[in-house]
Amino acid sequence: MPFEHYHTYDLNKRGLKKLPGQPANQTATIVGNQIAFTRDETIFMDIFQKYSLEEIWELAHSSGFEPVYSCSDPKDWFMDTFWAAVLRLDFLN
């Protein structure tokens, strides 16, 4: 039986947590080990962090990239930003 996915959003941390949950008691084999999961047990997987456009551009510039293009959903909840590597010669000085 597949996992069900639950998402929670923390407004203060601006992060979306992804929590797969169990629709029923089941056992999974992971690297040869049997692990029992109970119904509705969740497993923390990852966080999708939210940044403003300005923060994204600052992250890009501070790490040697130049933002090239950004697109967002109609509500501005999610954004993809494409970056290009910038040749930096300041390390020669």
C-alpha atoms as a PDB file:
ATOM      1  CA  MET A   1       0.000   0.000   0.000  1.00  0.00           C
ATOM      2  CA  PRO A   2       1.528   3.394  -0.928  1.00  0.00           C
ATOM      3  CA  PHE A   3       2.195   6.223   1.474  1.00  0.00           C
ATOM      4  CA  GLU A   4      -0.218   9.147   1.676  1.00  0.00           C
ATOM      5  CA  HIS A   5       1.352  12.604   1.703  1.00  0.00           C
ATOM      6  CA  TYR A   6       0.526  15.388   4.125  1.00  0.00           C
ATOM      7  CA  HIS A   7       1.903  18.901   3.947  1.00  0.00           C
ATOM      8  CA  THR A   8       2.079  21.503   6.688  1.00  0.00           C
ATOM      9  CA  TYR A   9       3.084  25.129   6.290  1.00  0.00           C
ATOM     10  CA  ASP A  10       4.863  27.048   9.052  1.00  0.00           C
ATOM     11  CA  LEU A  11       4.045  30.715   8.479  1.00  0.00           C
ATOM     12  CA  ASN A  12       6.784  31.954  10.838  1.00  0.00           C
ATOM     13  CA  LYS A  13       9.555  29.887   9.239  1.00  0.00           C
ATOM     14  CA  ARG A  14       8.073  30.171   5.733  1.00  0.00           C
ATOM     15  CA  GLY A  15       8.584  26.465   5.173  1.00  0.00           C
ATOM     16  CA  LEU A  16       6.427  23.671   3.788  1.00  0.00           C
ATOM     17  CA  LYS A  17       7.054  20.284   5.462  1.00  0.00           C
ATOM     18  CA  LYS A  18       6.359  17.113   3.531  1.00  0.00           C
ATOM     19  CA  LEU A  19       5.176  14.254   5.759  1.00  0.00           C
ATOM     20  CA  PRO A  20       4.312  10.924   4.136  1.00  0.00           C
ATOM     21  CA  GLY A  21       1.836   9.014   6.268  1.00  0.00           C
ATOM     22  CA  GLN A  22       0.597   5.457   6.503  1.00  0.00           C
ATOM     23  CA  PRO A  23      -2.962   4.662   5.389  1.00  0.00           C
ATOM     24  CA  ALA A  24      -2.693   1.326   7.276  1.00  0.00           C
ATOM     25  CA  ASN A  25      -0.260  -0.705   9.387  1.00  0.00           C
ATOM     26  CA  GLN A  26       2.489  -1.981   7.120  1.00  0.00           C
ATOM     27  CA  THR A  27       6.099  -3.125   7.039  1.00  0.00           C
ATOM     28  CA  ALA A  28       8.786  -1.833   4.691  1.00  0.00           C
ATOM     29  CA  THR A  29      12.161  -3.393   3.933  1.00  0.00           C
ATOM     30  CA  ILE A  30      14.900  -0.752   3.805  1.00  0.00           C
ATOM     31  CA  VAL A  31      18.468  -1.919   3.122  1.00  0.00           C
ATOM     32  CA  GLY A  32      17.583  -5.383   4.323  1.00  0.00           C
ATOM     33  CA  ASN A  33      15.953  -4.181   7.546  1.00  0.00           C
ATOM     34  CA  GLN A  34      12.245  -4.618   8.224  1.00  0.00           C
ATOM     35  CA  ILE A  35      10.634  -1.493   9.643  1.00  0.00           C
ATOM     36  CA  ALA A  36       7.064  -1.522  10.949  1.00  0.00           C
ATOM     37  CA  PHE A  37       4.892   1.538  10.425  1.00  0.00           C
ATOM     38  CA  THR A  38       1.583   2.112  12.191  1.00  0.00           C
ATOM     39  CA  ARG A  39      -1.501   3.649  10.654  1.00  0.00           C
ATOM     40  CA  ASP A  40      -1.268   7.475  10.416  1.00  0.00           C
ATOM     41  CA  GLU A  41       2.403   7.468  11.468  1.00  0.00           C
ATOM     42  CA  THR A  42       4.259  10.220   9.605  1.00  0.00           C
ATOM     43  CA  ILE A  43       7.866  10.382   8.438  1.00  0.00           C
ATOM     44  CA  PHE A  44       9.624  13.724   8.102  1.00  0.00           C
ATOM     45  CA  MET A  45      11.103  13.958   4.580  1.00  0.00           C
ATOM     46  CA  ASP A  46      11.973  17.507   3.633  1.00  0.00           C
ATOM     47  CA  ILE A  47      11.171  21.195   3.879  1.00  0.00           C
ATOM     48  CA  PHE A  48      10.420  23.484   0.977  1.00  0.00           C
ATOM     49  CA  GLN A  49      11.648  26.876   2.142  1.00  0.00           C
ATOM     50  CA  LYS A  50       9.951  30.104   1.054  1.00  0.00           C
ATOM     51  CA  TYR A  51      12.011  33.159   0.101  1.00  0.00           C
ATOM     52  CA  SER A  52      11.054  36.536  -1.309  1.00  0.00           C
ATOM     53  CA  LEU A  53      12.260  37.426  -4.796  1.00  0.00           C
ATOM     54  CA  GLU A  54      14.755  39.837  -3.249  1.00  0.00           C
ATOM     55  CA  GLU A  55      16.123  37.100  -0.961  1.00  0.00           C
ATOM     56  CA  ILE A  56      16.480  34.699  -3.899  1.00  0.00           C
ATOM     57  CA  TRP A  57      18.406  37.281  -5.911  1.00  0.00           C
ATOM     58  CA  GLU A  58      20.629  38.045  -2.907  1.00  0.00           C
ATOM     59  CA  LEU A  59      21.382  34.322  -2.464  1.00  0.00           C
ATOM     60  CA  ALA A  60      22.275  34.044  -6.139  1.00  0.00           C
ATOM     61  CA  HIS A  61      24.595  37.055  -6.140  1.00  0.00           C
ATOM     62  CA  SER A  62      26.318  36.058  -2.887  1.00  0.00           C
ATOM     63  CA  SER A  63      27.108  32.588  -4.261  1.00  0.00           C
ATOM     64  CA  GLY A  64      28.505  33.578  -7.674  1.00  0.00           C
ATOM     65  CA  PHE A  65      25.363  33.389  -9.788  1.00  0.00           C
ATOM     66  CA  GLU A  66      23.190  35.825 -11.675  1.00  0.00           C
ATOM     67  CA  PRO A  67      19.416  35.332 -11.670  1.00  0.00           C
ATOM     68  CA  VAL A  68      18.316  35.028 -15.285  1.00  0.00           C
ATOM     69  CA  TYR A  69      14.569  34.416 -15.140  1.00  0.00           C
ATOM     70  CA  SER A  70      11.871  33.901 -12.509  1.00  0.00           C
ATOM     71  CA  CYS A  71       8.329  32.601 -12.906  1.00  0.00           C
ATOM     72  CA  SER A  72       5.608  32.160 -10.297  1.00  0.00           C
ATOM     73  CA  ASP A  73       2.141  30.745  -9.898  1.00  0.00           C
ATOM     74  CA  PRO A  74      -0.783  33.235 -10.025  1.00  0.00           C
ATOM     75  CA  LYS A  75      -0.898  33.540  -6.208  1.00  0.00           C
ATOM     76  CA  ASP A  76       2.913  33.930  -5.848  1.00  0.00           C
ATOM     77  CA  TRP A  77       3.032  30.928  -3.546  1.00  0.00           C
ATOM     78  CA  PHE A  78       5.717  29.083  -5.539  1.00  0.00           C
ATOM     79  CA  MET A  79       8.536  30.342  -7.729  1.00  0.00           C
ATOM     80  CA  ASP A  80      11.204  28.881  -9.979  1.00  0.00           C
ATOM     81  CA  THR A  81      14.272  31.008 -10.593  1.00  0.00           C
ATOM     82  CA  PHE A  82      16.912  30.150 -13.152  1.00  0.00           C
ATOM     83  CA  TRP A  83      20.491  31.158 -12.386  1.00  0.00           C
ATOM     84  CA  ALA A  84      23.617  31.410 -14.523  1.00  0.00           C
ATOM     85  CA  ALA A  85      27.160  31.060 -13.175  1.00  0.00           C
ATOM     86  CA  VAL A  86      29.133  34.300 -13.218  1.00  0.00           C
ATOM     87  CA  LEU A  87      32.839  34.284 -14.030  1.00  0.00           C
ATOM     88  CA  ARG A  88      34.515  36.028 -11.120  1.00  0.00           C
ATOM     89  CA  LEU A  89      38.031  37.350 -11.423  1.00  0.00           C
ATOM     90  CA  ASP A  90      38.146  39.112  -8.055  1.00  0.00           C
ATOM     91  CA  PHE A  91      40.047  36.167  -6.533  1.00  0.00           C
ATOM     92  CA  LEU A  92      43.096  37.152  -8.646  1.00  0.00           C
ATOM     93  CA  ASN A  93      43.666  40.365  -6.669  1.00  0.00           C
END
